[in-house]
Amino acid sequence: MIMTFTDPRLAKLDGFRVEIDPARERADVILDRPPFNIIEMPQRDQLRLVFEALDEDTRMRVIVLRSVGEHFSSGGNIRGFLEASPEHVSKLAWNIAAPARCTKPVIAANRGYCFGVGFEISLACDFRVISETGQYALPEQRLGQIPGSGGSARLQKMVGITRTKDIVMRSKRIPAKQALEWGIVTECVPDAKLEAATDALADELRAFSPLAQRTAKKLLNDTEDSTLSIAIELEGHGYSRLRQSDDFREGVEAFHAKRPAKFKGS
C-alpha cells in the first residue's frame, strides 16, 4: 500500500511529495511541479530535511528520486538566485548533497531535461537510471555563473577534467547514451521502461544486508579522495566489523543451505 509520508517538520512540501511503500521497504521523493519541475530555493532546504528524515525511518531500505511528467527538472528558479541572501546561497551544495550523506541507497530516475540543480542532485545519488530521452547539462555559464551545488566537482570525479570542462565551460548537453558511455549513469533504457528498470534496481538493492549496504556506501564515499593504501586499510576495518554482524552469519548460513538470505540489518 502506498502511503503519504508525514513528518511534523515537513507539514507542507514545496513542489514535491514523498510516498512510502512499507511492503517494498521503499520511499519515493517525487518532484511534482510540471512541466519542468523547477526547484525553488525553499525546496532545497526541504529536500535535505526529507532525506534526513527518511534516513532515520527504519521502514525504508531504499530511496528513489523521480519526477512527474516528461522532464526530471530543468533546474532552479533563475531569479531566485538574485533574491536569495549570501548565507542562503552558501548552503546550496550542502542541501543538494543530502542523497550522498544518506546512509541508504538512493536511485535517481531521470528522463527529459535534467539540467542545473536537477543534474547536481542526481549526481549526489548512488545510482542514476536514465531514459533514452534524457539530457544532462550544467548551463550556468550562459548566466555568467558556475555550478554551485557540487555539479562540476562530482562530475570531474566521474569523467575527468577534460570532459568536465567540455560540459561546464561550454554549457554542453549530454544525451543519455553518451552519459552511459562516459560512466555518468548506471543504466540507460527506453523511455517506457524507466519505471520498470528503477523498480527492478530498488528491489535488487533491498534484498542485500542494509548493514553491508551502509558500510559499502560510506567506505566508497570516504575513500574517493584517499590514497590506495588508505582505502585498502579502511576497507579492511569495514570488513572486520561486518565479520561480527548477524547479517554476515545469516549470509554464510543461507549460502551453504542454498536458500535466500533474510537480512535484518544487525
Protein backbone atom coordinates (compact mmCIF):
# COMPACT_ATOMS: atom_id res chain seq x y z
CA MET A 1 0.00 0.00 0.00
CA ILE A 2 1.36 3.41 -0.99
CA MET A 3 1.26 5.92 1.84
CA THR A 4 1.97 9.63 2.03
CA PHE A 5 4.99 10.37 4.15
CA THR A 6 4.18 12.58 7.11
CA ASP A 7 6.66 14.28 9.39
CA PRO A 8 5.87 17.22 11.71
CA ARG A 9 8.98 19.02 10.44
CA LEU A 10 7.63 18.88 6.89
CA ALA A 11 4.00 19.85 7.12
CA LYS A 12 3.81 21.38 3.65
CA LEU A 13 6.22 20.38 0.92
CA ASP A 14 7.06 22.84 -1.84
CA GLY A 15 6.83 21.38 -5.34
CA PHE A 16 7.36 17.74 -4.45
CA ARG A 17 5.84 14.94 -2.43
CA VAL A 18 7.01 11.79 -0.69
CA GLU A 19 5.37 8.38 -0.94
CA ILE A 20 6.33 5.33 1.07
CA ASP A 21 5.64 1.67 0.40
CA PRO A 22 6.37 -0.28 3.60
CA ALA A 23 5.75 -3.62 1.88
CA ARG A 24 8.60 -2.89 -0.55
CA GLU A 25 10.65 -1.01 2.05
CA ARG A 26 10.88 1.91 -0.33
CA ALA A 27 10.36 5.66 -0.30
CA ASP A 28 9.86 7.82 -3.41
CA VAL A 29 10.73 11.52 -3.41
CA ILE A 30 8.74 12.86 -6.37
CA LEU A 31 9.37 16.25 -7.98
CA ASP A 32 5.88 17.49 -8.85
CA ARG A 33 5.92 20.94 -10.41
CA PRO A 34 5.30 20.15 -14.10
CA PRO A 35 6.08 20.72 -16.86
CA PHE A 36 9.73 21.37 -15.93
CA ASN A 37 9.82 20.61 -12.19
CA ILE A 38 11.76 23.77 -11.39
CA ILE A 39 13.44 23.51 -7.99
CA GLU A 40 12.80 26.64 -5.96
CA MET A 41 15.13 27.90 -3.23
CA PRO A 42 12.92 26.79 -0.27
CA GLN A 43 12.56 23.39 -1.89
CA ARG A 44 16.28 22.72 -1.50
CA ASP A 45 16.06 23.02 2.28
CA GLN A 46 13.03 20.75 2.35
CA LEU A 47 14.69 18.13 0.15
CA ARG A 48 17.58 17.97 2.62
CA LEU A 49 15.20 17.57 5.56
CA VAL A 50 13.24 14.87 3.75
CA PHE A 51 16.35 12.80 3.02
CA GLU A 52 17.44 13.17 6.64
CA ALA A 53 14.01 12.08 7.89
CA LEU A 54 13.87 9.10 5.52
CA ASP A 55 17.35 8.07 6.60
CA GLU A 56 16.05 7.78 10.17
CA ASP A 57 12.92 5.84 9.18
CA THR A 58 13.55 2.13 9.68
CA ARG A 59 10.68 1.12 7.38
CA MET A 60 12.66 2.14 4.27
CA ARG A 61 15.64 0.30 2.81
CA VAL A 62 15.95 2.23 -0.46
CA ILE A 63 15.00 5.72 -1.68
CA VAL A 64 14.07 6.71 -5.23
CA LEU A 65 14.23 10.30 -6.50
CA ARG A 66 11.95 10.74 -9.52
CA SER A 67 9.59 13.23 -11.13
CA VAL A 68 6.20 13.77 -12.69
CA GLY A 69 5.97 14.38 -16.45
CA GLU A 70 8.39 14.23 -19.35
CA HIS A 71 11.23 16.18 -17.68
CA PHE A 72 13.06 15.39 -14.46
CA SER A 73 13.96 19.04 -13.83
CA SER A 74 15.09 21.95 -15.96
CA GLY A 75 16.95 23.33 -12.95
CA GLY A 76 16.39 26.07 -10.43
CA ASN A 77 14.44 29.30 -10.40
CA ILE A 78 16.97 31.64 -12.03
CA ARG A 79 15.65 34.86 -10.47
CA GLY A 80 15.68 33.20 -7.07
CA PHE A 81 19.48 33.32 -7.05
CA LEU A 82 19.43 37.13 -7.17
CA GLU A 83 16.83 37.32 -4.41
CA ALA A 84 18.47 34.84 -2.02
CA SER A 85 20.83 36.02 0.71
CA PRO A 86 24.54 35.14 0.51
CA GLU A 87 24.13 32.98 3.61
CA HIS A 88 21.30 31.01 1.98
CA VAL A 89 23.22 30.57 -1.25
CA SER A 90 26.24 29.28 0.69
CA LYS A 91 24.16 26.31 1.85
CA LEU A 92 23.11 25.18 -1.62
CA ALA A 93 25.75 22.48 -2.02
CA TRP A 94 25.14 21.08 1.47
CA ASN A 95 21.41 20.71 0.82
CA ILE A 96 21.85 19.09 -2.58
CA ALA A 97 24.43 16.67 -1.17
CA ALA A 98 21.78 15.14 1.11
CA PRO A 99 21.38 11.96 -1.02
CA ALA A 100 25.12 11.31 -0.76
CA ARG A 101 25.08 11.73 3.04
CA CYS A 102 22.04 9.47 3.38
CA THR A 103 23.20 6.06 4.57
CA LYS A 104 20.64 4.23 2.44
CA PRO A 105 20.96 3.54 -1.31
CA VAL A 106 19.44 6.37 -3.37
CA ILE A 107 18.39 5.96 -7.02
CA ALA A 108 17.70 8.89 -9.37
CA ALA A 109 15.29 8.12 -12.21
CA ASN A 110 15.93 10.71 -14.95
CA ARG A 111 14.08 11.48 -18.16
CA GLY A 112 13.91 14.50 -20.43
CA TYR A 113 15.68 17.63 -19.20
CA CYS A 114 17.97 17.08 -16.22
CA PHE A 115 19.72 20.44 -16.01
CA GLY A 116 21.44 22.54 -13.38
CA VAL A 117 20.42 21.59 -9.86
CA GLY A 118 18.37 18.71 -11.28
CA PHE A 119 21.60 17.22 -12.61
CA GLU A 120 23.51 18.09 -9.45
CA ILE A 121 21.12 16.33 -7.08
CA SER A 122 21.09 13.32 -9.42
CA LEU A 123 24.89 13.24 -9.30
CA ALA A 124 24.64 13.14 -5.49
CA CYS A 125 22.61 9.92 -5.71
CA ASP A 126 24.25 6.49 -5.73
CA PHE A 127 22.65 5.26 -8.95
CA ARG A 128 21.26 7.06 -11.98
CA VAL A 129 18.84 5.33 -14.34
CA ILE A 130 18.10 7.46 -17.39
CA SER A 131 15.64 7.06 -20.24
CA GLU A 132 16.79 7.48 -23.81
CA THR A 133 15.00 10.87 -23.92
CA GLY A 134 17.20 12.17 -21.12
CA GLN A 135 19.70 15.00 -21.41
CA TYR A 136 22.13 16.27 -18.78
CA ALA A 137 23.57 19.78 -18.64
CA LEU A 138 25.16 22.33 -16.35
CA PRO A 139 24.15 25.53 -18.19
CA GLU A 140 25.31 28.10 -15.62
CA GLN A 141 27.95 29.61 -17.94
CA ARG A 142 25.12 31.01 -20.06
CA LEU A 143 24.10 33.03 -16.99
CA GLY A 144 27.60 34.26 -16.20
CA GLN A 145 27.88 31.79 -13.34
CA ILE A 146 29.29 28.37 -12.47
CA PRO A 147 27.57 25.32 -10.91
CA GLY A 148 27.12 25.98 -7.21
CA SER A 149 25.73 22.74 -5.77
CA GLY A 150 28.58 20.33 -6.37
CA GLY A 151 27.91 19.57 -10.03
CA SER A 152 31.29 20.32 -11.57
CA ALA A 153 33.18 18.73 -8.67
CA ARG A 154 31.21 15.48 -8.70
CA LEU A 155 31.26 15.28 -12.48
CA GLN A 156 35.03 15.70 -12.63
CA LYS A 157 35.44 12.70 -10.30
CA MET A 158 33.33 10.62 -12.67
CA VAL A 159 34.51 11.64 -16.14
CA GLY A 160 37.78 13.56 -15.69
CA ILE A 161 38.80 17.16 -16.15
CA THR A 162 38.76 17.25 -19.97
CA ARG A 163 35.17 16.07 -20.33
CA THR A 164 34.04 18.17 -17.38
CA LYS A 165 35.50 21.33 -18.92
CA ASP A 166 33.70 20.45 -22.15
CA ILE A 167 30.40 20.14 -20.30
CA VAL A 168 30.75 23.05 -17.86
CA MET A 169 32.65 25.67 -19.85
CA ARG A 170 30.56 25.16 -23.00
CA SER A 171 27.23 24.56 -21.21
CA LYS A 172 27.07 21.42 -23.30
CA ARG A 173 24.17 18.98 -23.22
CA ILE A 174 25.00 15.29 -22.77
CA PRO A 175 22.46 12.87 -24.28
CA ALA A 176 21.53 9.73 -22.37
CA LYS A 177 23.54 7.22 -24.40
CA GLN A 178 26.67 9.35 -24.17
CA ALA A 179 26.16 9.65 -20.41
CA LEU A 180 26.12 5.86 -20.23
CA GLU A 181 29.29 5.57 -22.31
CA TRP A 182 31.04 8.09 -20.07
CA GLY A 183 30.03 6.31 -16.86
CA ILE A 184 27.72 9.04 -15.58
CA VAL A 185 24.73 6.71 -15.38
CA THR A 186 24.19 3.16 -14.21
CA GLU A 187 21.66 2.22 -16.88
CA CYS A 188 20.04 3.73 -20.00
CA VAL A 189 16.65 2.34 -21.01
CA PRO A 190 13.80 3.16 -23.41
CA ASP A 191 11.52 5.85 -22.02
CA ALA A 192 8.62 3.45 -21.48
CA LYS A 193 10.82 1.18 -19.36
CA LEU A 194 12.26 3.77 -16.96
CA GLU A 195 9.89 2.96 -14.12
CA ALA A 196 10.30 -0.80 -14.54
CA ALA A 197 14.09 -0.54 -14.59
CA THR A 198 14.04 1.69 -11.49
CA ASP A 199 11.69 -0.71 -9.69
CA ALA A 200 13.94 -3.67 -10.53
CA LEU A 201 17.03 -1.89 -9.20
CA ALA A 202 15.24 -0.84 -6.00
CA ASP A 203 14.03 -4.39 -5.37
CA GLU A 204 17.51 -5.76 -6.03
CA LEU A 205 19.15 -3.34 -3.58
CA ARG A 206 16.73 -4.01 -0.73
CA ALA A 207 17.49 -7.73 -0.90
CA PHE A 208 21.02 -7.10 0.39
CA SER A 209 22.03 -6.59 4.00
CA PRO A 210 21.23 -2.99 4.96
CA LEU A 211 24.25 -3.00 7.25
CA ALA A 212 26.56 -4.11 4.45
CA GLN A 213 24.98 -1.56 2.08
CA ARG A 214 25.54 1.29 4.56
CA THR A 215 29.11 0.18 5.12
CA ALA A 216 29.87 -0.07 1.40
CA LYS A 217 28.37 3.34 0.63
CA LYS A 218 30.26 5.09 3.43
CA LEU A 219 33.51 3.36 2.53
CA LEU A 220 33.29 4.28 -1.15
CA ASN A 221 32.31 7.88 -0.39
CA ASP A 222 35.02 8.31 2.25
CA THR A 223 37.81 6.82 0.15
CA GLU A 224 37.03 8.63 -3.11
CA ASP A 225 39.87 11.10 -2.48
CA SER A 226 42.17 8.87 -0.46
CA THR A 227 45.33 7.06 -1.48
CA LEU A 228 45.13 3.39 -2.41
CA SER A 229 46.84 2.29 0.80
CA ILE A 230 44.41 4.25 3.00
CA ALA A 231 41.42 2.94 1.03
CA ILE A 232 42.59 -0.65 1.48
CA GLU A 233 43.16 -0.05 5.20
CA LEU A 234 39.64 1.38 5.68
CA GLU A 235 38.16 -1.42 3.62
CA GLY A 236 39.81 -3.91 5.95
CA HIS A 237 38.34 -2.21 9.01
CA GLY A 238 34.88 -2.25 7.46
CA TYR A 239 35.23 -5.90 6.55
CA SER A 240 36.33 -6.75 10.09
CA ARG A 241 33.31 -5.00 11.64
CA LEU A 242 30.88 -6.77 9.32
CA ARG A 243 32.54 -10.09 10.17
CA GLN A 244 30.91 -9.79 13.62
CA SER A 245 27.43 -9.00 12.30
CA ASP A 246 24.31 -11.14 12.40
CA ASP A 247 23.78 -10.40 8.71
CA PHE A 248 27.14 -11.88 7.75
CA ARG A 249 26.40 -15.05 9.71
CA GLU A 250 22.98 -15.24 8.06
CA GLY A 251 24.53 -14.73 4.63
CA VAL A 252 27.03 -17.54 5.16
CA GLU A 253 24.41 -19.92 6.55
CA ALA A 254 21.99 -19.12 3.71
CA PHE A 255 24.74 -19.69 1.15
CA HIS A 256 25.53 -23.15 2.48
CA ALA A 257 21.85 -24.04 2.88
CA LYS A 258 21.20 -22.86 -0.69
CA ARG A 259 18.35 -20.59 0.41
CA PRO A 260 17.70 -16.83 0.12
CA ALA A 261 19.22 -14.87 2.99
CA LYS A 262 16.95 -12.95 5.34
CA PHE A 263 18.92 -9.93 6.45
CA LYS A 264 17.87 -7.81 9.43
CA GLY A 265 20.48 -5.06 9.40
CA SER A 266 22.28 -6.07 12.56
